[in-house]
Amino acid sequence: MRTLSQYPKEIKVFLIASLINAIGSALMWPLVTMFVFEQLGRSMSDAGLVILVQSIGGIAGQLLGGALYHRVGVKKLIIGALALNAMGLLLLPALSHAWTVFIVMMGLIGLFNALSMPAIQAFIGFRFADQRGELFNVVYIANNIGVAVGTALSGFLADVSYSLSFVLNGVTSGVFALFFLFYLQRIGTGSGEHEPALMLKKKSSNGTSLWLLITDVRLYLFMALGGMLINLGNSIWNTGVSPFIIEHGMSKQMFGYLWTLNGILIFVAQPVTNLIKRVAASSIKAQLTASAVLYLCGYAVILAMHSFPGMVLGMILTTLGEMLIAPAIPAFLSENGGKHAPFYLGLTGGIGSAGRVIGPYMMGGLYDGGGLTPVAWLAVITAAISVISFIIHAAVNRENQAAAGSSQSRPVSSAQQKA
């Protein structure tokens, strides 16, 4: 992987802005469960309900963002979504003590935050098509450096004020919106190149119908289901590990340390994942399967070791899995989805987010009833099923590529063009 100085200036500026926004986001999201559990005095089931509502908003935002990319345009979609997200976060401290209003606000924040995600991913895939695979990974690393810094601060901020975390997140989201306002205007006119969304907008009315895109299940469905199951199992951190730390008298900062470790590993363990890719997972499809195996191993460690060292080891293993899956999904869809990549990015992200909807609520109830053990069992089972789902995804796409290779000498059908 190249160093930052080797990238064009427009990429470096984008990465720095993403880093700042990630720091702001990380100030809040690890603390939502703690805020509901400790500050509002609610049960873990109630905390899971908040995450449930936020995640439902996230699903709607991912689906809507992918569908609106070519209709609204990348500028309006990204800037508008980030601005609305900032507004919701800034208002949250004043509304957080009214339980019903707080739940509604968390749903809207989930919607607005997710609305920009497929647009930003598609922007990267279209704008930097010749190096999209590498850049997805670099953006992922930059974002997670921000997560490492933000979560390191979050534990300290929680001791001062949960509301301060919400406000600082809102400020960084607003700054990110202003960044995109000027950034997209400059790169869209400075070199004579237009935004990918605007170039394709005129063609969208002549494109494939929504139903035909959805029925091309081999492209996205099994990969999306695998991602959904990974997200479901990953709820163990906020809805299993987090309350376990609190109930056993550990400092809240220890939960922040786990996520700081996650961010550090994403930066320093790149040689490890590069080795995995060279030795056992050379293709994107193989990387998805390898990631699920690592998640399975990490959850199994937490199941076997109910201690902070076990959580540290579990975080190391699941972080390696995260490092493989996070850049692989957008890279695969950008390479294989054609001009419909924004739609598939939103659809896959929406399905994957369903795991965040189901996970916290299920695990919250399991934790209230039996502690960490049943929560860890659920995570292990979902990771095992995700391994199967990714294997099926690899198989159906291998068959599709073989069929495409055998027909290169024949005229391309309209169905193949849509793929």
Protein backbone atom coordinates (compact mmCIF):
# COMPACT_ATOMS: atom_id res chain seq x y z
CA MET A 1 0.00 0.00 0.00
CA ARG A 2 1.32 3.43 -0.90
CA THR A 3 2.05 6.17 1.63
CA LEU A 4 -0.26 9.16 1.86
CA SER A 5 2.27 11.46 0.15
CA GLN A 6 2.07 9.33 -3.02
CA TYR A 7 -1.63 10.03 -3.60
CA PRO A 8 -3.01 13.01 -5.57
CA LYS A 9 -3.92 16.09 -3.54
CA GLU A 10 -7.68 15.61 -3.97
CA ILE A 11 -7.42 12.13 -2.43
CA LYS A 12 -5.30 13.33 0.49
CA VAL A 13 -7.77 16.12 1.31
CA PHE A 14 -10.66 13.66 1.16
CA LEU A 15 -8.88 11.24 3.51
CA ILE A 16 -8.12 13.99 6.06
CA ALA A 17 -11.76 15.12 6.05
CA SER A 18 -12.93 11.52 6.48
CA LEU A 19 -10.56 11.13 9.42
CA ILE A 20 -11.95 14.19 11.19
CA ASN A 21 -15.55 13.06 10.63
CA ALA A 22 -14.72 9.58 11.93
CA ILE A 23 -13.26 11.05 15.12
CA GLY A 24 -16.50 12.92 15.73
CA SER A 25 -18.68 9.89 15.04
CA ALA A 26 -16.61 7.73 17.38
CA LEU A 27 -17.20 10.15 20.24
CA MET A 28 -20.82 9.03 20.39
CA TRP A 29 -21.63 5.60 19.01
CA PRO A 30 -19.86 3.40 21.61
CA LEU A 31 -21.61 5.33 24.39
CA VAL A 32 -25.26 5.05 23.31
CA THR A 33 -25.79 1.78 25.20
CA MET A 34 -23.99 3.13 28.27
CA PHE A 35 -26.00 6.36 28.11
CA VAL A 36 -29.33 4.50 28.10
CA PHE A 37 -28.20 1.92 30.68
CA GLU A 38 -26.49 4.27 33.10
CA GLN A 39 -27.64 7.85 32.53
CA LEU A 40 -31.29 7.15 31.75
CA GLY A 41 -31.49 4.17 34.10
CA ARG A 42 -33.09 1.85 31.55
CA SER A 43 -32.60 -1.90 31.08
CA MET A 44 -30.39 -3.48 28.43
CA SER A 45 -33.57 -4.42 26.55
CA ASP A 46 -34.43 -0.71 26.39
CA ALA A 47 -30.89 0.05 25.24
CA GLY A 48 -31.30 -2.60 22.56
CA LEU A 49 -34.57 -0.95 21.52
CA VAL A 50 -32.79 2.36 20.94
CA ILE A 51 -30.16 0.67 18.78
CA LEU A 52 -33.00 -1.16 17.01
CA VAL A 53 -34.76 2.07 16.07
CA GLN A 54 -31.49 3.73 15.04
CA SER A 55 -30.63 0.76 12.87
CA ILE A 56 -34.07 0.71 11.22
CA GLY A 57 -33.40 4.33 10.30
CA GLY A 58 -30.00 3.22 8.99
CA ILE A 59 -31.57 0.57 6.77
CA ALA A 60 -34.01 3.09 5.32
CA GLY A 61 -31.16 5.55 4.79
CA GLN A 62 -28.96 3.03 2.96
CA LEU A 63 -31.79 1.93 0.66
CA LEU A 64 -32.95 5.49 0.01
CA GLY A 65 -29.41 6.78 -0.52
CA GLY A 66 -28.64 4.14 -3.14
CA ALA A 67 -31.91 4.73 -4.97
CA LEU A 68 -31.56 8.55 -4.97
CA TYR A 69 -27.94 8.73 -6.13
CA HIS A 70 -28.71 9.21 -9.83
CA ARG A 71 -31.96 11.11 -9.24
CA VAL A 72 -30.75 13.75 -6.80
CA GLY A 73 -27.04 13.91 -7.59
CA VAL A 74 -24.07 13.30 -5.36
CA LYS A 75 -23.72 16.91 -4.13
CA LYS A 76 -27.25 17.38 -2.84
CA LEU A 77 -27.45 13.88 -1.42
CA ILE A 78 -24.20 13.88 0.55
CA ILE A 79 -24.32 17.49 1.74
CA GLY A 80 -28.03 17.39 2.63
CA ALA A 81 -27.73 14.11 4.54
CA LEU A 82 -24.70 15.24 6.54
CA ALA A 83 -26.32 18.60 7.36
CA LEU A 84 -29.51 16.94 8.62
CA ASN A 85 -27.45 14.49 10.66
CA ALA A 86 -25.55 17.37 12.24
CA MET A 87 -28.78 19.14 13.10
CA GLY A 88 -30.24 16.05 14.77
CA LEU A 89 -27.10 15.46 16.84
CA LEU A 90 -26.95 19.07 18.02
CA LEU A 91 -30.59 18.91 19.14
CA LEU A 92 -30.22 15.52 20.87
CA PRO A 93 -28.89 16.72 24.28
CA ALA A 94 -31.93 18.95 24.78
CA LEU A 95 -34.34 16.15 23.87
CA SER A 96 -32.60 13.11 25.37
CA HIS A 97 -34.50 13.06 28.67
CA ALA A 98 -37.89 12.60 27.00
CA TRP A 99 -37.78 8.85 26.31
CA THR A 100 -40.14 8.74 23.32
CA VAL A 101 -38.60 11.81 21.69
CA PHE A 102 -35.12 10.40 22.27
CA ILE A 103 -36.04 7.18 20.47
CA VAL A 104 -37.50 9.10 17.51
CA MET A 105 -34.41 11.31 17.29
CA MET A 106 -32.11 8.29 17.28
CA GLY A 107 -34.13 6.84 14.41
CA LEU A 108 -33.77 10.08 12.42
CA ILE A 109 -30.05 10.26 13.17
CA GLY A 110 -29.68 6.70 11.88
CA LEU A 111 -31.57 7.66 8.72
CA PHE A 112 -29.60 10.82 7.97
CA ASN A 113 -26.22 9.28 8.75
CA ALA A 114 -26.81 6.24 6.51
CA LEU A 115 -28.30 8.32 3.69
CA SER A 116 -24.84 9.58 2.71
CA MET A 117 -23.02 6.23 2.92
CA PRO A 118 -23.81 4.66 -0.48
CA ALA A 119 -23.32 8.05 -2.12
CA ILE A 120 -19.83 8.47 -0.65
CA GLN A 121 -18.88 4.88 -1.54
CA ALA A 122 -20.20 5.26 -5.09
CA PHE A 123 -18.41 8.60 -5.42
CA ILE A 124 -15.12 6.87 -4.58
CA GLY A 125 -15.85 4.00 -6.95
CA PHE A 126 -16.75 6.28 -9.87
CA ARG A 127 -14.33 9.14 -9.32
CA PHE A 128 -11.25 6.97 -8.65
CA ALA A 129 -12.19 3.89 -10.68
CA ASP A 130 -8.61 2.99 -11.62
CA GLN A 131 -7.59 2.56 -7.98
CA ARG A 132 -10.90 2.01 -6.20
CA GLY A 133 -9.89 -1.25 -4.49
CA GLU A 134 -6.82 0.27 -2.86
CA LEU A 135 -8.60 3.50 -2.03
CA PHE A 136 -11.52 1.77 -0.32
CA ASN A 137 -8.98 0.17 1.98
CA VAL A 138 -7.14 3.45 2.60
CA VAL A 139 -10.40 5.28 3.41
CA TYR A 140 -11.31 2.42 5.73
CA ILE A 141 -7.95 2.76 7.52
CA ALA A 142 -8.30 6.55 7.82
CA ASN A 143 -11.82 6.23 9.21
CA ASN A 144 -10.68 3.71 11.78
CA ILE A 145 -7.75 5.81 12.90
CA GLY A 146 -10.47 8.34 13.63
CA VAL A 147 -12.40 5.67 15.51
CA ALA A 148 -9.29 4.87 17.58
CA VAL A 149 -8.83 8.53 18.52
CA GLY A 150 -12.54 9.17 19.07
CA THR A 151 -13.17 6.13 21.23
CA ALA A 152 -10.08 6.88 23.28
CA LEU A 153 -11.65 10.26 24.04
CA SER A 154 -15.18 8.91 24.46
CA GLY A 155 -14.57 7.23 27.80
CA PHE A 156 -13.14 10.44 29.25
CA LEU A 157 -15.97 12.51 27.76
CA ALA A 158 -18.55 10.12 29.26
CA ASP A 159 -17.16 10.90 32.71
CA VAL A 160 -17.60 14.62 31.96
CA SER A 161 -20.83 14.69 29.92
CA TYR A 162 -22.58 12.37 27.48
CA SER A 163 -24.18 15.44 25.89
CA LEU A 164 -20.74 16.82 25.01
CA SER A 165 -20.12 13.69 22.92
CA PHE A 166 -23.37 14.24 21.00
CA VAL A 167 -22.57 17.91 20.34
CA LEU A 168 -19.02 17.29 19.14
CA ASN A 169 -20.30 14.57 16.80
CA GLY A 170 -22.82 17.04 15.38
CA VAL A 171 -20.13 19.67 14.87
CA THR A 172 -17.86 17.29 12.93
CA SER A 173 -20.78 16.11 10.79
CA GLY A 174 -21.57 19.72 9.92
CA VAL A 175 -17.92 20.39 9.08
CA PHE A 176 -17.91 17.31 6.83
CA ALA A 177 -20.97 18.68 5.00
CA LEU A 178 -19.20 22.00 4.41
CA PHE A 179 -16.12 20.13 3.21
CA PHE A 180 -18.13 18.27 0.57
CA LEU A 181 -19.86 21.50 -0.47
CA PHE A 182 -16.55 23.05 -1.55
CA TYR A 183 -14.71 19.83 -2.43
CA LEU A 184 -17.26 18.53 -4.94
CA GLN A 185 -17.66 21.99 -6.47
CA ARG A 186 -13.90 22.27 -6.97
CA ILE A 187 -13.19 18.83 -8.44
CA GLY A 188 -16.34 19.00 -10.55
CA THR A 189 -15.31 22.16 -12.38
CA GLY A 190 -11.58 22.60 -11.83
CA SER A 191 -10.42 19.99 -14.36
CA GLY A 192 -13.39 19.81 -16.69
CA GLU A 193 -14.61 16.59 -15.09
CA HIS A 194 -18.21 16.35 -13.91
CA GLU A 195 -19.57 14.44 -10.99
CA PRO A 196 -20.29 10.81 -11.85
CA ALA A 197 -23.85 11.13 -10.57
CA LEU A 198 -24.55 14.04 -12.88
CA MET A 199 -23.04 12.25 -15.88
CA LEU A 200 -25.22 9.24 -15.26
CA LYS A 201 -28.34 11.08 -14.18
CA LYS A 202 -29.50 11.60 -17.76
CA LYS A 203 -29.20 7.87 -18.42
CA SER A 204 -31.09 6.73 -15.34
CA SER A 205 -34.50 6.89 -17.00
CA ASN A 206 -33.35 4.44 -19.65
CA GLY A 207 -31.74 2.06 -17.16
CA THR A 208 -32.78 -1.29 -15.84
CA SER A 209 -35.98 -1.52 -13.82
CA LEU A 210 -35.75 -1.74 -10.06
CA TRP A 211 -37.27 -5.23 -10.05
CA LEU A 212 -34.71 -6.61 -12.52
CA LEU A 213 -31.87 -5.19 -10.43
CA ILE A 214 -33.25 -6.79 -7.28
CA THR A 215 -33.74 -10.18 -8.95
CA ASP A 216 -30.04 -10.38 -9.89
CA VAL A 217 -29.52 -12.09 -6.53
CA ARG A 218 -26.21 -13.77 -7.36
CA LEU A 219 -24.51 -10.35 -7.33
CA TYR A 220 -25.48 -9.23 -3.85
CA LEU A 221 -27.86 -11.45 -1.87
CA PHE A 222 -25.57 -14.05 -0.26
CA MET A 223 -22.88 -11.46 0.35
CA ALA A 224 -25.45 -9.16 1.96
CA LEU A 225 -26.83 -11.97 4.13
CA GLY A 226 -23.32 -12.84 5.28
CA GLY A 227 -22.73 -9.19 6.16
CA MET A 228 -26.04 -9.05 8.01
CA LEU A 229 -25.09 -12.05 10.14
CA ILE A 230 -21.66 -10.55 10.88
CA ASN A 231 -23.32 -7.32 12.01
CA LEU A 232 -25.77 -9.26 14.16
CA GLY A 233 -22.96 -11.11 15.91
CA ASN A 234 -20.91 -7.94 16.27
CA SER A 235 -23.63 -6.50 18.49
CA ILE A 236 -21.95 -8.55 21.22
CA TRP A 237 -19.64 -5.61 21.93
CA ASN A 238 -22.27 -2.99 22.74
CA THR A 239 -24.95 -5.36 24.08
CA GLY A 240 -22.80 -7.96 25.81
CA VAL A 241 -19.28 -6.80 26.53
CA SER A 242 -20.28 -3.23 27.46
CA PRO A 243 -22.77 -4.12 30.24
CA PHE A 244 -20.46 -6.97 31.39
CA ILE A 245 -17.69 -4.42 31.98
CA ILE A 246 -20.03 -2.12 33.91
CA GLU A 247 -21.58 -4.88 36.05
CA HIS A 248 -18.18 -6.28 36.99
CA GLY A 249 -16.96 -2.93 38.29
CA MET A 250 -14.48 -2.22 35.51
CA SER A 251 -13.86 1.34 34.33
CA LYS A 252 -15.88 2.51 31.33
CA GLN A 253 -12.54 3.50 29.83
CA MET A 254 -11.72 -0.19 29.44
CA PHE A 255 -14.52 -0.48 26.88
CA GLY A 256 -12.99 2.50 25.09
CA TYR A 257 -9.60 0.76 25.19
CA LEU A 258 -11.05 -2.22 23.29
CA TRP A 259 -12.14 0.03 20.45
CA THR A 260 -8.89 1.95 20.59
CA LEU A 261 -7.16 -1.41 20.10
CA ASN A 262 -9.48 -2.02 17.14
CA GLY A 263 -8.42 1.24 15.51
CA ILE A 264 -4.72 0.71 16.16
CA LEU A 265 -4.80 -2.80 14.73
CA ILE A 266 -6.52 -1.62 11.57
CA PHE A 267 -3.51 0.65 11.02
CA VAL A 268 -0.61 -1.53 12.16
CA ALA A 269 -1.92 -5.01 11.22
CA GLN A 270 -2.16 -4.34 7.48
CA PRO A 271 0.85 -6.66 6.86
CA VAL A 272 -1.08 -9.46 8.59
CA THR A 273 -4.16 -9.10 6.38
CA ASN A 274 -1.95 -8.67 3.31
CA LEU A 275 -0.32 -11.99 4.22
CA ILE A 276 -3.74 -13.62 4.59
CA LYS A 277 -4.71 -12.31 1.16
CA ARG A 278 -1.53 -13.63 -0.45
CA VAL A 279 -1.59 -17.05 1.20
CA ALA A 280 -5.26 -17.97 1.61
CA ALA A 281 -7.57 -15.26 0.24
CA SER A 282 -6.31 -13.82 -3.03
CA SER A 283 -9.76 -12.94 -4.41
CA ILE A 284 -12.38 -10.62 -2.93
CA LYS A 285 -14.78 -13.56 -2.55
CA ALA A 286 -12.18 -15.55 -0.58
CA GLN A 287 -11.52 -12.51 1.63
CA LEU A 288 -15.19 -12.45 2.61
CA THR A 289 -15.10 -16.10 3.69
CA ALA A 290 -11.82 -15.63 5.58
CA SER A 291 -13.29 -12.65 7.42
CA ALA A 292 -16.25 -14.71 8.64
CA VAL A 293 -13.91 -17.44 9.89
CA LEU A 294 -11.94 -14.87 11.90
CA TYR A 295 -15.15 -13.44 13.37
CA LEU A 296 -16.18 -16.97 14.35
CA CYS A 297 -12.87 -17.54 16.13
CA GLY A 298 -13.11 -14.20 17.94
CA TYR A 299 -16.61 -14.86 19.25
CA ALA A 300 -15.60 -18.37 20.32
CA VAL A 301 -12.80 -16.87 22.43
CA ILE A 302 -15.26 -14.55 24.19
CA LEU A 303 -17.56 -17.51 24.81
CA ALA A 304 -14.71 -19.50 26.37
CA MET A 305 -13.07 -16.64 28.31
CA HIS A 306 -15.31 -14.33 30.35
CA SER A 307 -12.50 -11.92 31.16
CA PHE A 308 -10.93 -8.74 29.84
CA PRO A 309 -7.92 -10.62 28.33
CA GLY A 310 -10.43 -12.84 26.48
CA MET A 311 -12.18 -9.75 25.18
CA VAL A 312 -8.85 -8.34 24.00
CA LEU A 313 -8.04 -11.54 22.10
CA GLY A 314 -11.57 -11.64 20.68
CA MET A 315 -11.19 -8.04 19.53
CA ILE A 316 -7.90 -8.86 17.79
CA LEU A 317 -9.43 -11.74 15.83
CA THR A 318 -12.64 -9.94 14.90
CA THR A 319 -10.66 -6.84 13.88
CA LEU A 320 -8.68 -8.93 11.39
CA GLY A 321 -12.02 -10.17 10.04
CA GLU A 322 -13.29 -6.61 9.82
CA MET A 323 -10.16 -5.54 7.93
CA LEU A 324 -10.91 -8.13 5.27
CA ILE A 325 -14.65 -7.58 4.85
CA ALA A 326 -15.01 -3.79 5.14
CA PRO A 327 -13.21 -2.77 1.89
CA ALA A 328 -14.13 -6.00 0.06
CA ILE A 329 -17.90 -5.45 -0.17
CA PRO A 330 -17.84 -1.96 -1.78
CA ALA A 331 -14.93 -2.99 -4.02
CA PHE A 332 -16.80 -6.07 -5.29
CA LEU A 333 -20.00 -4.13 -6.00
CA SER A 334 -18.16 -1.22 -7.63
CA GLU A 335 -16.33 -3.62 -9.94
CA ASN A 336 -19.32 -5.82 -10.78
CA GLY A 337 -22.34 -3.52 -10.42
CA GLY A 338 -21.55 -1.15 -13.31
CA LYS A 339 -23.57 2.07 -13.34
CA HIS A 340 -26.00 0.41 -10.91
CA ALA A 341 -23.31 0.13 -8.22
CA PRO A 342 -24.86 2.91 -6.04
CA PHE A 343 -28.15 0.98 -5.93
CA TYR A 344 -26.42 -2.27 -4.98
CA LEU A 345 -24.25 -0.50 -2.41
CA GLY A 346 -27.38 0.89 -0.76
CA LEU A 347 -29.28 -2.41 -1.01
CA THR A 348 -26.40 -4.48 0.40
CA GLY A 349 -25.77 -1.93 3.12
CA GLY A 350 -29.45 -1.91 4.03
CA ILE A 351 -29.64 -5.69 4.29
CA GLY A 352 -26.40 -5.76 6.26
CA SER A 353 -27.76 -3.14 8.65
CA ALA A 354 -30.67 -5.44 9.45
CA GLY A 355 -28.16 -7.33 11.58
CA ARG A 356 -27.69 -4.19 13.65
CA VAL A 357 -31.46 -4.01 14.01
CA ILE A 358 -31.94 -7.60 15.15
CA GLY A 359 -28.70 -8.03 17.09
CA PRO A 360 -28.95 -5.45 19.91
CA TYR A 361 -32.57 -6.25 20.71
CA MET A 362 -32.01 -10.03 20.72
CA MET A 363 -28.77 -9.76 22.67
CA GLY A 364 -30.22 -7.25 25.11
CA GLY A 365 -32.93 -9.74 26.06
CA LEU A 366 -30.44 -12.61 26.22
CA TYR A 367 -28.11 -10.59 28.43
CA ASP A 368 -30.91 -9.62 30.81
CA GLY A 369 -31.84 -13.29 31.07
CA GLY A 370 -28.47 -15.03 31.26
CA GLY A 371 -25.54 -12.64 31.02
CA LEU A 372 -22.72 -12.87 28.50
CA THR A 373 -22.84 -16.63 27.78
CA PRO A 374 -26.05 -16.79 25.67
CA VAL A 375 -25.01 -13.58 23.89
CA ALA A 376 -21.67 -15.15 22.91
CA TRP A 377 -23.39 -18.34 21.74
CA LEU A 378 -25.63 -16.32 19.42
CA ALA A 379 -22.59 -14.52 17.99
CA VAL A 380 -20.80 -17.82 17.35
CA ILE A 381 -23.82 -19.34 15.57
CA THR A 382 -24.38 -16.31 13.32
CA ALA A 383 -20.70 -16.20 12.35
CA ALA A 384 -20.79 -19.89 11.41
CA ILE A 385 -23.81 -19.33 9.16
CA SER A 386 -22.11 -16.31 7.58
CA VAL A 387 -19.19 -18.54 6.56
CA ILE A 388 -21.66 -20.72 4.64
CA SER A 389 -23.32 -17.67 3.07
CA PHE A 390 -20.01 -16.30 1.76
CA ILE A 391 -19.05 -19.71 0.38
CA ILE A 392 -22.33 -19.76 -1.57
CA HIS A 393 -21.65 -16.21 -2.80
CA ALA A 394 -18.25 -17.28 -4.09
CA ALA A 395 -19.73 -20.35 -5.80
CA VAL A 396 -22.54 -18.57 -7.66
CA ASN A 397 -20.25 -15.78 -8.82
CA ARG A 398 -17.60 -18.26 -9.92
CA GLU A 399 -20.25 -19.97 -12.07
CA ASN A 400 -21.34 -16.61 -13.45
CA GLN A 401 -17.77 -15.60 -14.36
CA ALA A 402 -17.18 -18.96 -16.03
CA ALA A 403 -20.31 -18.49 -18.10
CA ALA A 404 -19.26 -14.97 -19.02
CA GLY A 405 -15.82 -16.20 -20.07
CA SER A 406 -17.23 -18.88 -22.35
CA SER A 407 -19.46 -16.35 -24.10
CA GLN A 408 -16.87 -13.65 -24.82
CA SER A 409 -16.82 -14.61 -28.47
CA ARG A 410 -20.63 -14.31 -28.72
CA PRO A 411 -22.73 -11.10 -28.77
CA VAL A 412 -23.47 -9.85 -25.26
CA SER A 413 -27.11 -10.19 -24.26
CA SER A 414 -29.07 -7.44 -22.54
CA ALA A 415 -29.27 -9.54 -19.36
CA GLN A 416 -25.48 -9.78 -19.25
CA GLN A 417 -25.17 -6.03 -19.80
CA LYS A 418 -27.38 -5.42 -16.79
CA ALA A 419 -25.11 -7.54 -14.61
